[in-house]
Amino acid sequence: AALLALAGAGTVAAALFGASDGSALDEKAAEASGDTSASVDALTHTAWPYVAALGGVLLLLAGLLALRYGRLWPAMSGRYERDGAPRPRRKAPAVDPDRPEDLWKALDRGEDPTGA
């Protein structure tokens, strides 16, 4: 849950800093023009950085909710756990080779109905 909250916070930070950062474009403009003081003035963005920031906020909220209420969630019970004691084996019923349903039942139990 903490990792999820950190991932959400990182997503929000990266999306918002990336949306407002134009330094990479300023470097390319300076390199292309040969003027070290060149910058990009008319920089516009689509809505996608803000959509990513909204997704990050949702991740952050989910992580915080999981941190707060996670211990109240139902957990797996020991109902189906084995105690480690060996279980007695049941003797397999006799397989009648003339009855196909007995052969199929033996296969279902994991037996080889052809071996005698």
PDB file of N, CA and C in Angstrom:
ATOM      1  N   ALA A   1       0.824  -1.184   0.000  1.00  0.00           N
ATOM      2  CA  ALA A   1       0.000   0.000   0.000  1.00  0.00           C
ATOM      3  C   ALA A   1       0.873   1.254   0.000  1.00  0.00           C
ATOM      4  N   ALA A   2       1.967   1.208   0.760  1.00  0.00           N
ATOM      5  CA  ALA A   2       2.867   2.362   0.796  1.00  0.00           C
ATOM      6  C   ALA A   2       3.544   2.551  -0.555  1.00  0.00           C
ATOM      7  N   LEU A   3       3.905   1.450  -1.186  1.00  0.00           N
ATOM      8  CA  LEU A   3       4.523   1.540  -2.511  1.00  0.00           C
ATOM      9  C   LEU A   3       3.540   2.103  -3.528  1.00  0.00           C
ATOM     10  N   LEU A   4       2.287   1.729  -3.426  1.00  0.00           N
ATOM     11  CA  LEU A   4       1.263   2.264  -4.326  1.00  0.00           C
ATOM     12  C   LEU A   4       1.098   3.767  -4.114  1.00  0.00           C
ATOM     13  N   ALA A   5       1.092   4.202  -2.862  1.00  0.00           N
ATOM     14  CA  ALA A   5       0.969   5.631  -2.572  1.00  0.00           C
ATOM     15  C   ALA A   5       2.194   6.394  -3.094  1.00  0.00           C
ATOM     16  N   LEU A   6       3.379   5.824  -2.929  1.00  0.00           N
ATOM     17  CA  LEU A   6       4.590   6.482  -3.454  1.00  0.00           C
ATOM     18  C   LEU A   6       4.578   6.545  -4.978  1.00  0.00           C
ATOM     19  N   ALA A   7       4.096   5.492  -5.616  1.00  0.00           N
ATOM     20  CA  ALA A   7       4.000   5.499  -7.078  1.00  0.00           C
ATOM     21  C   ALA A   7       3.029   6.571  -7.554  1.00  0.00           C
ATOM     22  N   GLY A   8       1.923   6.723  -6.845  1.00  0.00           N
ATOM     23  CA  GLY A   8       0.969   7.771  -7.199  1.00  0.00           C
ATOM     24  C   GLY A   8       1.561   9.156  -7.025  1.00  0.00           C
ATOM     25  N   ALA A   9       2.273   9.379  -5.909  1.00  0.00           N
ATOM     26  CA  ALA A   9       2.903  10.684  -5.682  1.00  0.00           C
ATOM     27  C   ALA A   9       3.965  10.970  -6.740  1.00  0.00           C
ATOM     28  N   GLY A  10       4.725   9.952  -7.106  1.00  0.00           N
ATOM     29  CA  GLY A  10       5.733  10.127  -8.154  1.00  0.00           C
ATOM     30  C   GLY A  10       5.120  10.434  -9.504  1.00  0.00           C
ATOM     31  N   THR A  11       3.999   9.803  -9.795  1.00  0.00           N
ATOM     32  CA  THR A  11       3.306  10.056 -11.059  1.00  0.00           C
ATOM     33  C   THR A  11       2.788  11.486 -11.120  1.00  0.00           C
ATOM     34  N   VAL A  12       2.207  11.941 -10.018  1.00  0.00           N
ATOM     35  CA  VAL A  12       1.711  13.318  -9.968  1.00  0.00           C
ATOM     36  C   VAL A  12       2.864  14.300 -10.146  1.00  0.00           C
ATOM     37  N   ALA A  13       3.964  14.082  -9.427  1.00  0.00           N
ATOM     38  CA  ALA A  13       5.106  14.993  -9.513  1.00  0.00           C
ATOM     39  C   ALA A  13       5.693  15.006 -10.921  1.00  0.00           C
ATOM     40  N   ALA A  14       5.892  13.842 -11.506  1.00  0.00           N
ATOM     41  CA  ALA A  14       6.482  13.772 -12.840  1.00  0.00           C
ATOM     42  C   ALA A  14       5.578  14.417 -13.886  1.00  0.00           C
ATOM     43  N   ALA A  15       4.283  14.193 -13.780  1.00  0.00           N
ATOM     44  CA  ALA A  15       3.365  14.759 -14.767  1.00  0.00           C
ATOM     45  C   ALA A  15       3.308  16.277 -14.664  1.00  0.00           C
ATOM     46  N   LEU A  16       3.237  16.796 -13.448  1.00  0.00           N
ATOM     47  CA  LEU A  16       3.141  18.251 -13.298  1.00  0.00           C
ATOM     48  C   LEU A  16       4.463  18.957 -13.608  1.00  0.00           C
ATOM     49  N   PHE A  17       5.581  18.375 -13.186  1.00  0.00           N
ATOM     50  CA  PHE A  17       6.868  18.992 -13.523  1.00  0.00           C
ATOM     51  C   PHE A  17       7.146  18.889 -15.015  1.00  0.00           C
ATOM     52  N   GLY A  18       6.748  17.784 -15.624  1.00  0.00           N
ATOM     53  CA  GLY A  18       6.955  17.624 -17.056  1.00  0.00           C
ATOM     54  C   GLY A  18       6.098  18.569 -17.874  1.00  0.00           C
ATOM     55  N   ALA A  19       4.904  18.868 -17.390  1.00  0.00           N
ATOM     56  CA  ALA A  19       4.012  19.769 -18.116  1.00  0.00           C
ATOM     57  C   ALA A  19       4.506  21.206 -18.085  1.00  0.00           C
ATOM     58  N   SER A  20       5.210  21.578 -17.016  1.00  0.00           N
ATOM     59  CA  SER A  20       5.652  22.972 -16.895  1.00  0.00           C
ATOM     60  C   SER A  20       7.115  23.168 -17.276  1.00  0.00           C
ATOM     61  N   ASP A  21       7.812  22.094 -17.594  1.00  0.00           N
ATOM     62  CA  ASP A  21       9.242  22.205 -17.887  1.00  0.00           C
ATOM     63  C   ASP A  21       9.469  22.347 -19.388  1.00  0.00           C
ATOM     64  N   GLY A  22      10.124  23.417 -19.768  1.00  0.00           N
ATOM     65  CA  GLY A  22      10.453  23.639 -21.174  1.00  0.00           C
ATOM     66  C   GLY A  22      11.944  23.738 -21.400  1.00  0.00           C
ATOM     67  N   SER A  23      12.749  23.319 -20.422  1.00  0.00           N
ATOM     68  CA  SER A  23      14.199  23.479 -20.524  1.00  0.00           C
ATOM     69  C   SER A  23      14.797  22.642 -21.656  1.00  0.00           C
ATOM     70  N   ALA A  24      14.253  21.463 -21.904  1.00  0.00           N
ATOM     71  CA  ALA A  24      14.784  20.637 -22.988  1.00  0.00           C
ATOM     72  C   ALA A  24      14.542  21.298 -24.341  1.00  0.00           C
ATOM     73  N   LEU A  25      13.380  21.927 -24.496  1.00  0.00           N
ATOM     74  CA  LEU A  25      13.101  22.631 -25.749  1.00  0.00           C
ATOM     75  C   LEU A  25      13.965  23.883 -25.877  1.00  0.00           C
ATOM     76  N   ASP A  26      14.230  24.569 -24.769  1.00  0.00           N
ATOM     77  CA  ASP A  26      15.114  25.735 -24.806  1.00  0.00           C
ATOM     78  C   ASP A  26      16.526  25.333 -25.229  1.00  0.00           C
ATOM     79  N   GLU A  27      17.013  24.190 -24.739  1.00  0.00           N
ATOM     80  CA  GLU A  27      18.337  23.712 -25.135  1.00  0.00           C
ATOM     81  C   GLU A  27      18.386  23.400 -26.628  1.00  0.00           C
ATOM     82  N   LYS A  28      17.340  22.761 -27.139  1.00  0.00           N
ATOM     83  CA  LYS A  28      17.302  22.437 -28.577  1.00  0.00           C
ATOM     84  C   LYS A  28      17.205  23.710 -29.416  1.00  0.00           C
ATOM     85  N   ALA A  29      16.458  24.708 -28.938  1.00  0.00           N
ATOM     86  CA  ALA A  29      16.349  25.968 -29.673  1.00  0.00           C
ATOM     87  C   ALA A  29      17.695  26.680 -29.697  1.00  0.00           C
ATOM     88  N   ALA A  30      18.400  26.661 -28.582  1.00  0.00           N
ATOM     89  CA  ALA A  30      19.721  27.294 -28.531  1.00  0.00           C
ATOM     90  C   ALA A  30      20.703  26.561 -29.426  1.00  0.00           C
ATOM     91  N   GLU A  31      20.613  25.244 -29.457  1.00  0.00           N
ATOM     92  CA  GLU A  31      21.508  24.452 -30.303  1.00  0.00           C
ATOM     93  C   GLU A  31      21.211  24.671 -31.783  1.00  0.00           C
ATOM     94  N   ALA A  32      19.935  24.755 -32.144  1.00  0.00           N
ATOM     95  CA  ALA A  32      19.558  24.909 -33.541  1.00  0.00           C
ATOM     96  C   ALA A  32      19.864  26.306 -34.061  1.00  0.00           C
ATOM     97  N   SER A  33      19.692  27.313 -33.212  1.00  0.00           N
ATOM     98  CA  SER A  33      19.897  28.681 -33.684  1.00  0.00           C
ATOM     99  C   SER A  33      21.328  29.173 -33.473  1.00  0.00           C
ATOM    100  N   GLY A  34      22.065  28.518 -32.585  1.00  0.00           N
ATOM    101  CA  GLY A  34      23.418  28.980 -32.294  1.00  0.00           C
ATOM    102  C   GLY A  34      23.441  30.115 -31.286  1.00  0.00           C
ATOM    103  N   ASP A  35      22.309  30.540 -30.827  1.00  0.00           N
ATOM    104  CA  ASP A  35      22.186  31.613 -29.838  1.00  0.00           C
ATOM    105  C   ASP A  35      21.923  30.963 -28.478  1.00  0.00           C
ATOM    106  N   THR A  36      22.835  31.164 -27.522  1.00  0.00           N
ATOM    107  CA  THR A  36      22.700  30.502 -26.218  1.00  0.00           C
ATOM    108  C   THR A  36      21.546  31.057 -25.397  1.00  0.00           C
ATOM    109  N   SER A  37      21.029  32.222 -25.760  1.00  0.00           N
ATOM    110  CA  SER A  37      19.913  32.784 -25.002  1.00  0.00           C
ATOM    111  C   SER A  37      18.571  32.514 -25.676  1.00  0.00           C
ATOM    112  N   ALA A  38      18.549  31.692 -26.713  1.00  0.00           N
ATOM    113  CA  ALA A  38      17.293  31.386 -27.408  1.00  0.00           C
ATOM    114  C   ALA A  38      16.399  30.539 -26.520  1.00  0.00           C
ATOM    115  N   SER A  39      15.127  30.793 -26.601  1.00  0.00           N
ATOM    116  CA  SER A  39      14.156  30.010 -25.819  1.00  0.00           C
ATOM    117  C   SER A  39      12.876  29.850 -26.624  1.00  0.00           C
ATOM    118  N   VAL A  40      12.064  28.933 -26.187  1.00  0.00           N
ATOM    119  CA  VAL A  40      10.789  28.670 -26.829  1.00  0.00           C
ATOM    120  C   VAL A  40       9.727  29.423 -26.038  1.00  0.00           C
ATOM    121  N   ASP A  41       9.052  30.366 -26.713  1.00  0.00           N
ATOM    122  CA  ASP A  41       8.067  31.195 -26.016  1.00  0.00           C
ATOM    123  C   ASP A  41       6.659  30.645 -26.150  1.00  0.00           C
ATOM    124  N   ALA A  42       6.318  30.133 -27.287  1.00  0.00           N
ATOM    125  CA  ALA A  42       4.941  29.679 -27.536  1.00  0.00           C
ATOM    126  C   ALA A  42       4.855  28.175 -27.319  1.00  0.00           C
ATOM    127  N   LEU A  43       4.902  27.779 -26.057  1.00  0.00           N
ATOM    128  CA  LEU A  43       4.855  26.361 -25.718  1.00  0.00           C
ATOM    129  C   LEU A  43       3.457  26.015 -25.205  1.00  0.00           C
ATOM    130  N   THR A  44       2.832  25.068 -25.851  1.00  0.00           N
ATOM    131  CA  THR A  44       1.505  24.621 -25.406  1.00  0.00           C
ATOM    132  C   THR A  44       1.555  23.121 -25.154  1.00  0.00           C
ATOM    133  N   HIS A  45       0.657  22.667 -24.322  1.00  0.00           N
ATOM    134  CA  HIS A  45       0.578  21.244 -23.985  1.00  0.00           C
ATOM    135  C   HIS A  45      -0.828  20.749 -24.237  1.00  0.00           C
ATOM    136  N   THR A  46      -0.904  19.472 -24.456  1.00  0.00           N
ATOM    137  CA  THR A  46      -2.221  18.841 -24.517  1.00  0.00           C
ATOM    138  C   THR A  46      -2.680  18.559 -23.089  1.00  0.00           C
ATOM    139  N   ALA A  47      -3.797  17.949 -22.953  1.00  0.00           N
ATOM    140  CA  ALA A  47      -4.340  17.653 -21.620  1.00  0.00           C
ATOM    141  C   ALA A  47      -3.743  16.383 -21.013  1.00  0.00           C
ATOM    142  N   TRP A  48      -2.919  15.651 -21.763  1.00  0.00           N
ATOM    143  CA  TRP A  48      -2.436  14.359 -21.286  1.00  0.00           C
ATOM    144  C   TRP A  48      -1.570  14.427 -20.029  1.00  0.00           C
ATOM    145  N   PRO A  49      -0.709  15.424 -19.852  1.00  0.00           N
ATOM    146  CA  PRO A  49       0.012  15.467 -18.570  1.00  0.00           C
ATOM    147  C   PRO A  49      -0.927  15.627 -17.380  1.00  0.00           C
ATOM    148  N   TYR A  50      -2.002  16.347 -17.579  1.00  0.00           N
ATOM    149  CA  TYR A  50      -2.949  16.546 -16.487  1.00  0.00           C
ATOM    150  C   TYR A  50      -3.812  15.309 -16.264  1.00  0.00           C
ATOM    151  N   VAL A  51      -4.088  14.565 -17.320  1.00  0.00           N
ATOM    152  CA  VAL A  51      -4.788  13.284 -17.177  1.00  0.00           C
ATOM    153  C   VAL A  51      -3.898  12.304 -16.409  1.00  0.00           C
ATOM    154  N   ALA A  52      -2.596  12.312 -16.735  1.00  0.00           N
ATOM    155  CA  ALA A  52      -1.650  11.455 -16.002  1.00  0.00           C
ATOM    156  C   ALA A  52      -1.568  11.873 -14.535  1.00  0.00           C
ATOM    157  N   ALA A  53      -1.592  13.175 -14.266  1.00  0.00           N
ATOM    158  CA  ALA A  53      -1.565  13.660 -12.886  1.00  0.00           C
ATOM    159  C   ALA A  53      -2.833  13.222 -12.146  1.00  0.00           C
ATOM    160  N   LEU A  54      -3.969  13.244 -12.820  1.00  0.00           N
ATOM    161  CA  LEU A  54      -5.211  12.780 -12.203  1.00  0.00           C
ATOM    162  C   LEU A  54      -5.134  11.286 -11.889  1.00  0.00           C
ATOM    163  N   GLY A  55      -4.576  10.521 -12.801  1.00  0.00           N
ATOM    164  CA  GLY A  55      -4.370   9.086 -12.539  1.00  0.00           C
ATOM    165  C   GLY A  55      -3.440   8.872 -11.359  1.00  0.00           C
ATOM    166  N   GLY A  56      -2.404   9.705 -11.253  1.00  0.00           N
ATOM    167  CA  GLY A  56      -1.497   9.613 -10.110  1.00  0.00           C
ATOM    168  C   GLY A  56      -2.189   9.947  -8.799  1.00  0.00           C
ATOM    169  N   VAL A  57      -3.090  10.928  -8.843  1.00  0.00           N
ATOM    170  CA  VAL A  57      -3.851  11.276  -7.639  1.00  0.00           C
ATOM    171  C   VAL A  57      -4.727  10.095  -7.217  1.00  0.00           C
ATOM    172  N   LEU A  58      -5.325   9.412  -8.190  1.00  0.00           N
ATOM    173  CA  LEU A  58      -6.137   8.240  -7.882  1.00  0.00           C
ATOM    174  C   LEU A  58      -5.291   7.122  -7.280  1.00  0.00           C
ATOM    175  N   LEU A  59      -4.091   6.916  -7.824  1.00  0.00           N
ATOM    176  CA  LEU A  59      -3.175   5.922  -7.259  1.00  0.00           C
ATOM    177  C   LEU A  59      -2.776   6.290  -5.833  1.00  0.00           C
ATOM    178  N   LEU A  60      -2.472   7.552  -5.625  1.00  0.00           N
ATOM    179  CA  LEU A  60      -2.091   8.023  -4.301  1.00  0.00           C
ATOM    180  C   LEU A  60      -3.239   7.822  -3.317  1.00  0.00           C
ATOM    181  N   LEU A  61      -4.444   8.163  -3.725  1.00  0.00           N
ATOM    182  CA  LEU A  61      -5.605   7.992  -2.868  1.00  0.00           C
ATOM    183  C   LEU A  61      -5.844   6.516  -2.550  1.00  0.00           C
ATOM    184  N   ALA A  62      -5.706   5.654  -3.546  1.00  0.00           N
ATOM    185  CA  ALA A  62      -5.889   4.214  -3.322  1.00  0.00           C
ATOM    186  C   ALA A  62      -4.844   3.684  -2.349  1.00  0.00           C
ATOM    187  N   GLY A  63      -3.602   4.126  -2.493  1.00  0.00           N
ATOM    188  CA  GLY A  63      -2.560   3.691  -1.568  1.00  0.00           C
ATOM    189  C   GLY A  63      -2.799   4.163  -0.155  1.00  0.00           C
ATOM    190  N   LEU A  64      -3.247   5.416  -0.009  1.00  0.00           N
ATOM    191  CA  LEU A  64      -3.528   5.937   1.333  1.00  0.00           C
ATOM    192  C   LEU A  64      -4.717   5.225   1.973  1.00  0.00           C
ATOM    193  N   LEU A  65      -5.746   4.949   1.174  1.00  0.00           N
ATOM    194  CA  LEU A  65      -6.888   4.206   1.707  1.00  0.00           C
ATOM    195  C   LEU A  65      -6.500   2.789   2.104  1.00  0.00           C
ATOM    196  N   ALA A  66      -5.639   2.164   1.312  1.00  0.00           N
ATOM    197  CA  ALA A  66      -5.182   0.817   1.650  1.00  0.00           C
ATOM    198  C   ALA A  66      -4.333   0.835   2.914  1.00  0.00           C
ATOM    199  N   LEU A  67      -3.526   1.878   3.083  1.00  0.00           N
ATOM    200  CA  LEU A  67      -2.748   1.990   4.318  1.00  0.00           C
ATOM    201  C   LEU A  67      -3.662   2.166   5.528  1.00  0.00           C
ATOM    202  N   ARG A  68      -4.686   2.944   5.370  1.00  0.00           N
ATOM    203  CA  ARG A  68      -5.572   3.249   6.499  1.00  0.00           C
ATOM    204  C   ARG A  68      -6.492   2.081   6.839  1.00  0.00           C
ATOM    205  N   TYR A  69      -7.122   1.477   5.827  1.00  0.00           N
ATOM    206  CA  TYR A  69      -8.142   0.471   6.067  1.00  0.00           C
ATOM    207  C   TYR A  69      -7.707  -0.948   5.713  1.00  0.00           C
ATOM    208  N   GLY A  70      -6.491  -1.145   5.289  1.00  0.00           N
ATOM    209  CA  GLY A  70      -6.039  -2.462   4.845  1.00  0.00           C
ATOM    210  C   GLY A  70      -6.092  -3.523   5.922  1.00  0.00           C
ATOM    211  N   ARG A  71      -5.807  -3.150   7.139  1.00  0.00           N
ATOM    212  CA  ARG A  71      -5.818  -4.146   8.211  1.00  0.00           C
ATOM    213  C   ARG A  71      -7.237  -4.592   8.559  1.00  0.00           C
ATOM    214  N   LEU A  72      -8.241  -3.846   8.118  1.00  0.00           N
ATOM    215  CA  LEU A  72      -9.633  -4.221   8.376  1.00  0.00           C
ATOM    216  C   LEU A  72     -10.205  -5.141   7.296  1.00  0.00           C
ATOM    217  N   TRP A  73      -9.473  -5.307   6.202  1.00  0.00           N
ATOM    218  CA  TRP A  73      -9.949  -6.153   5.117  1.00  0.00           C
ATOM    219  C   TRP A  73      -9.955  -7.614   5.565  1.00  0.00           C
ATOM    220  N   PRO A  74     -10.881  -8.409   5.034  1.00  0.00           N
ATOM    221  CA  PRO A  74     -10.885  -9.831   5.406  1.00  0.00           C
ATOM    222  C   PRO A  74      -9.636 -10.533   4.874  1.00  0.00           C
ATOM    223  N   ALA A  75      -9.145 -11.448   5.658  1.00  0.00           N
ATOM    224  CA  ALA A  75      -7.952 -12.213   5.273  1.00  0.00           C
ATOM    225  C   ALA A  75      -8.353 -13.667   5.054  1.00  0.00           C
ATOM    226  N   MET A  76      -7.457 -14.411   4.480  1.00  0.00           N
ATOM    227  CA  MET A  76      -7.732 -15.831   4.272  1.00  0.00           C
ATOM    228  C   MET A  76      -7.733 -16.537   5.621  1.00  0.00           C
ATOM    229  N   SER A  77      -8.639 -17.448   5.774  1.00  0.00           N
ATOM    230  CA  SER A  77      -8.710 -18.199   7.019  1.00  0.00           C
ATOM    231  C   SER A  77      -7.899 -19.477   6.889  1.00  0.00           C
ATOM    232  N   GLY A  78      -7.758 -20.153   7.965  1.00  0.00           N
ATOM    233  CA  GLY A  78      -7.045 -21.428   7.959  1.00  0.00           C
ATOM    234  C   GLY A  78      -7.965 -22.603   7.725  1.00  0.00           C
ATOM    235  N   ARG A  79      -9.151 -22.326   7.230  1.00  0.00           N
ATOM    236  CA  ARG A  79     -10.151 -23.372   7.062  1.00  0.00           C
ATOM    237  C   ARG A  79      -9.671 -24.506   6.166  1.00  0.00           C
ATOM    238  N   TYR A  80      -8.943 -24.178   5.140  1.00  0.00           N
ATOM    239  CA  TYR A  80      -8.531 -25.196   4.179  1.00  0.00           C
ATOM    240  C   TYR A  80      -7.073 -25.604   4.347  1.00  0.00           C
ATOM    241  N   GLU A  81      -6.455 -25.181   5.405  1.00  0.00           N
ATOM    242  CA  GLU A  81      -5.065 -25.544   5.656  1.00  0.00           C
ATOM    243  C   GLU A  81      -4.988 -26.974   6.191  1.00  0.00           C
ATOM    244  N   ARG A  82      -3.947 -27.664   5.796  1.00  0.00           N
ATOM    245  CA  ARG A  82      -3.721 -29.001   6.313  1.00  0.00           C
ATOM    246  C   ARG A  82      -2.855 -28.902   7.553  1.00  0.00           C
ATOM    247  N   ASP A  83      -3.051 -29.823   8.480  1.00  0.00           N
ATOM    248  CA  ASP A  83      -2.285 -29.787   9.717  1.00  0.00           C
ATOM    249  C   ASP A  83      -0.949 -30.505   9.601  1.00  0.00           C
ATOM    250  N   GLY A  84      -0.672 -31.143   8.497  1.00  0.00           N
ATOM    251  CA  GLY A  84       0.603 -31.821   8.284  1.00  0.00           C
ATOM    252  C   GLY A  84       0.572 -33.285   8.683  1.00  0.00           C
ATOM    253  N   ALA A  85      -0.490 -33.717   9.336  1.00  0.00           N
ATOM    254  CA  ALA A  85      -0.584 -35.126   9.724  1.00  0.00           C
ATOM    255  C   ALA A  85      -0.916 -35.964   8.490  1.00  0.00           C
ATOM    256  N   PRO A  86      -0.291 -37.130   8.380  1.00  0.00           N
ATOM    257  CA  PRO A  86      -0.607 -37.978   7.222  1.00  0.00           C
ATOM    258  C   PRO A  86      -2.053 -38.459   7.297  1.00  0.00           C
ATOM    259  N   ARG A  87      -2.663 -38.496   6.161  1.00  0.00           N
ATOM    260  CA  ARG A  87      -4.057 -38.931   6.103  1.00  0.00           C
ATOM    261  C   ARG A  87      -4.112 -40.393   5.688  1.00  0.00           C
ATOM    262  N   PRO A  88      -5.012 -41.137   6.275  1.00  0.00           N
ATOM    263  CA  PRO A  88      -5.104 -42.552   5.891  1.00  0.00           C
ATOM    264  C   PRO A  88      -5.624 -42.678   4.460  1.00  0.00           C
ATOM    265  N   ARG A  89      -5.050 -43.623   3.766  1.00  0.00           N
ATOM    266  CA  ARG A  89      -5.469 -43.850   2.380  1.00  0.00           C
ATOM    267  C   ARG A  89      -6.675 -44.771   2.353  1.00  0.00           C
ATOM    268  N   ARG A  90      -7.612 -44.388   1.536  1.00  0.00           N
ATOM    269  CA  ARG A  90      -8.776 -45.243   1.348  1.00  0.00           C
ATOM    270  C   ARG A  90      -8.458 -46.315   0.318  1.00  0.00           C
ATOM    271  N   LYS A  91      -8.997 -47.456   0.543  1.00  0.00           N
ATOM    272  CA  LYS A  91      -8.811 -48.519  -0.445  1.00  0.00           C
ATOM    273  C   LYS A  91      -9.710 -48.225  -1.637  1.00  0.00           C
ATOM    274  N   ALA A  92      -9.114 -48.284  -2.807  1.00  0.00           N
ATOM    275  CA  ALA A  92      -9.864 -47.983  -4.020  1.00  0.00           C
ATOM    276  C   ALA A  92     -10.873 -49.082  -4.297  1.00  0.00           C
ATOM    277  N   PRO A  93     -12.059 -48.707  -4.715  1.00  0.00           N
ATOM    278  CA  PRO A  93     -13.047 -49.737  -5.058  1.00  0.00           C
ATOM    279  C   PRO A  93     -12.593 -50.504  -6.298  1.00  0.00           C
ATOM    280  N   ALA A  94     -13.072 -51.697  -6.387  1.00  0.00           N
ATOM    281  CA  ALA A  94     -12.708 -52.542  -7.531  1.00  0.00           C
ATOM    282  C   ALA A  94     -13.277 -51.956  -8.809  1.00  0.00           C
ATOM    283  N   VAL A  95     -12.475 -52.030  -9.861  1.00  0.00           N
ATOM    284  CA  VAL A  95     -12.889 -51.507 -11.156  1.00  0.00           C
ATOM    285  C   VAL A  95     -13.369 -52.663 -12.014  1.00  0.00           C
ATOM    286  N   ASP A  96     -14.587 -52.556 -12.469  1.00  0.00           N
ATOM    287  CA  ASP A  96     -15.147 -53.563 -13.366  1.00  0.00           C
ATOM    288  C   ASP A  96     -14.824 -53.136 -14.791  1.00  0.00           C
ATOM    289  N   PRO A  97     -13.972 -53.900 -15.492  1.00  0.00           N
ATOM    290  CA  PRO A  97     -13.585 -53.488 -16.847  1.00  0.00           C
ATOM    291  C   PRO A  97     -14.736 -53.515 -17.850  1.00  0.00           C
ATOM    292  N   ASP A  98     -15.830 -54.150 -17.490  1.00  0.00           N
ATOM    293  CA  ASP A  98     -16.981 -54.193 -18.403  1.00  0.00           C
ATOM    294  C   ASP A  98     -17.863 -52.958 -18.253  1.00  0.00           C
ATOM    295  N   ARG A  99     -17.615 -52.151 -17.246  1.00  0.00           N
ATOM    296  CA  ARG A  99     -18.425 -50.949 -17.026  1.00  0.00           C
ATOM    297  C   ARG A  99     -17.564 -49.727 -17.314  1.00  0.00           C
ATOM    298  N   PRO A 100     -17.815 -49.017 -18.400  1.00  0.00           N
ATOM    299  CA  PRO A 100     -16.983 -47.858 -18.764  1.00  0.00           C
ATOM    300  C   PRO A 100     -16.998 -46.761 -17.705  1.00  0.00           C
ATOM    301  N   GLU A 101     -18.128 -46.603 -16.981  1.00  0.00           N
ATOM    302  CA  GLU A 101     -18.162 -45.535 -15.976  1.00  0.00           C
ATOM    303  C   GLU A 101     -17.200 -45.828 -14.825  1.00  0.00           C
ATOM    304  N   ASP A 102     -16.968 -47.122 -14.521  1.00  0.00           N
ATOM    305  CA  ASP A 102     -15.985 -47.457 -13.488  1.00  0.00           C
ATOM    306  C   ASP A 102     -14.569 -47.100 -13.941  1.00  0.00           C
ATOM    307  N   LEU A 103     -14.306 -47.302 -15.233  1.00  0.00           N
ATOM    308  CA  LEU A 103     -12.987 -46.939 -15.765  1.00  0.00           C
ATOM    309  C   LEU A 103     -12.763 -45.434 -15.685  1.00  0.00           C
ATOM    310  N   TRP A 104     -13.781 -44.663 -16.020  1.00  0.00           N
ATOM    311  CA  TRP A 104     -13.657 -43.210 -15.961  1.00  0.00           C
ATOM    312  C   TRP A 104     -13.505 -42.736 -14.520  1.00  0.00           C
ATOM    313  N   LYS A 105     -14.232 -43.334 -13.605  1.00  0.00           N
ATOM    314  CA  LYS A 105     -14.110 -42.955 -12.196  1.00  0.00           C
ATOM    315  C   LYS A 105     -12.716 -43.271 -11.667  1.00  0.00           C
ATOM    316  N   ALA A 106     -12.161 -44.385 -12.101  1.00  0.00           N
ATOM    317  CA  ALA A 106     -10.801 -44.722 -11.690  1.00  0.00           C
ATOM    318  C   ALA A 106      -9.805 -43.700 -12.229  1.00  0.00           C
ATOM    319  N   LEU A 107     -10.002 -43.260 -13.454  1.00  0.00           N
ATOM    320  CA  LEU A 107      -9.137 -42.211 -14.022  1.00  0.00           C
ATOM    321  C   LEU A 107      -9.282 -40.913 -13.246  1.00  0.00           C
ATOM    322  N   ASP A 108     -10.505 -40.583 -12.855  1.00  0.00           N
ATOM    323  CA  ASP A 108     -10.734 -39.369 -12.065  1.00  0.00           C
ATOM    324  C   ASP A 108     -10.020 -39.432 -10.716  1.00  0.00           C
ATOM    325  N   ARG A 109      -9.931 -40.625 -10.139  1.00  0.00           N
ATOM    326  CA  ARG A 109      -9.234 -40.767  -8.865  1.00  0.00           C
ATOM    327  C   ARG A 109      -7.720 -40.803  -9.037  1.00  0.00           C
ATOM    328  N   GLY A 110      -7.245 -40.840 -10.271  1.00  0.00           N
ATOM    329  CA  GLY A 110      -5.814 -40.857 -10.524  1.00  0.00           C
ATOM    330  C   GLY A 110      -5.236 -42.265 -10.584  1.00  0.00           C
ATOM    331  N   GLU A 111      -6.087 -43.241 -10.732  1.00  0.00           N
ATOM    332  CA  GLU A 111      -5.639 -44.641 -10.794  1.00  0.00           C
ATOM    333  C   GLU A 111      -5.481 -45.064 -12.235  1.00  0.00           C
ATOM    334  N   ASP A 112      -4.694 -46.110 -12.424  1.00  0.00           N
ATOM    335  CA  ASP A 112      -4.539 -46.697 -13.744  1.00  0.00           C
ATOM    336  C   ASP A 112      -5.463 -47.898 -13.814  1.00  0.00           C
ATOM    337  N   PRO A 113      -6.582 -47.768 -14.515  1.00  0.00           N
ATOM    338  CA  PRO A 113      -7.527 -48.883 -14.536  1.00  0.00           C
ATOM    339  C   PRO A 113      -7.041 -50.073 -15.346  1.00  0.00           C
ATOM    340  N   THR A 114      -5.981 -49.921 -16.116  1.00  0.00           N
ATOM    341  CA  THR A 114      -5.479 -51.039 -16.912  1.00  0.00           C
ATOM    342  C   THR A 114      -4.518 -51.900 -16.121  1.00  0.00           C
ATOM    343  N   GLY A 115      -3.934 -51.382 -15.045  1.00  0.00           N
ATOM    344  CA  GLY A 115      -2.999 -52.156 -14.235  1.00  0.00           C
ATOM    345  C   GLY A 115      -3.747 -52.991 -13.217  1.00  0.00           C
ATOM    346  N   ALA A 116      -3.310 -54.206 -13.051  1.00  0.00           N
ATOM    347  CA  ALA A 116      -4.015 -55.061 -12.095  1.00  0.00           C
ATOM    348  C   ALA A 116      -3.085 -55.517 -10.999  1.00  0.00           C
TER     349      ALA A 116
END
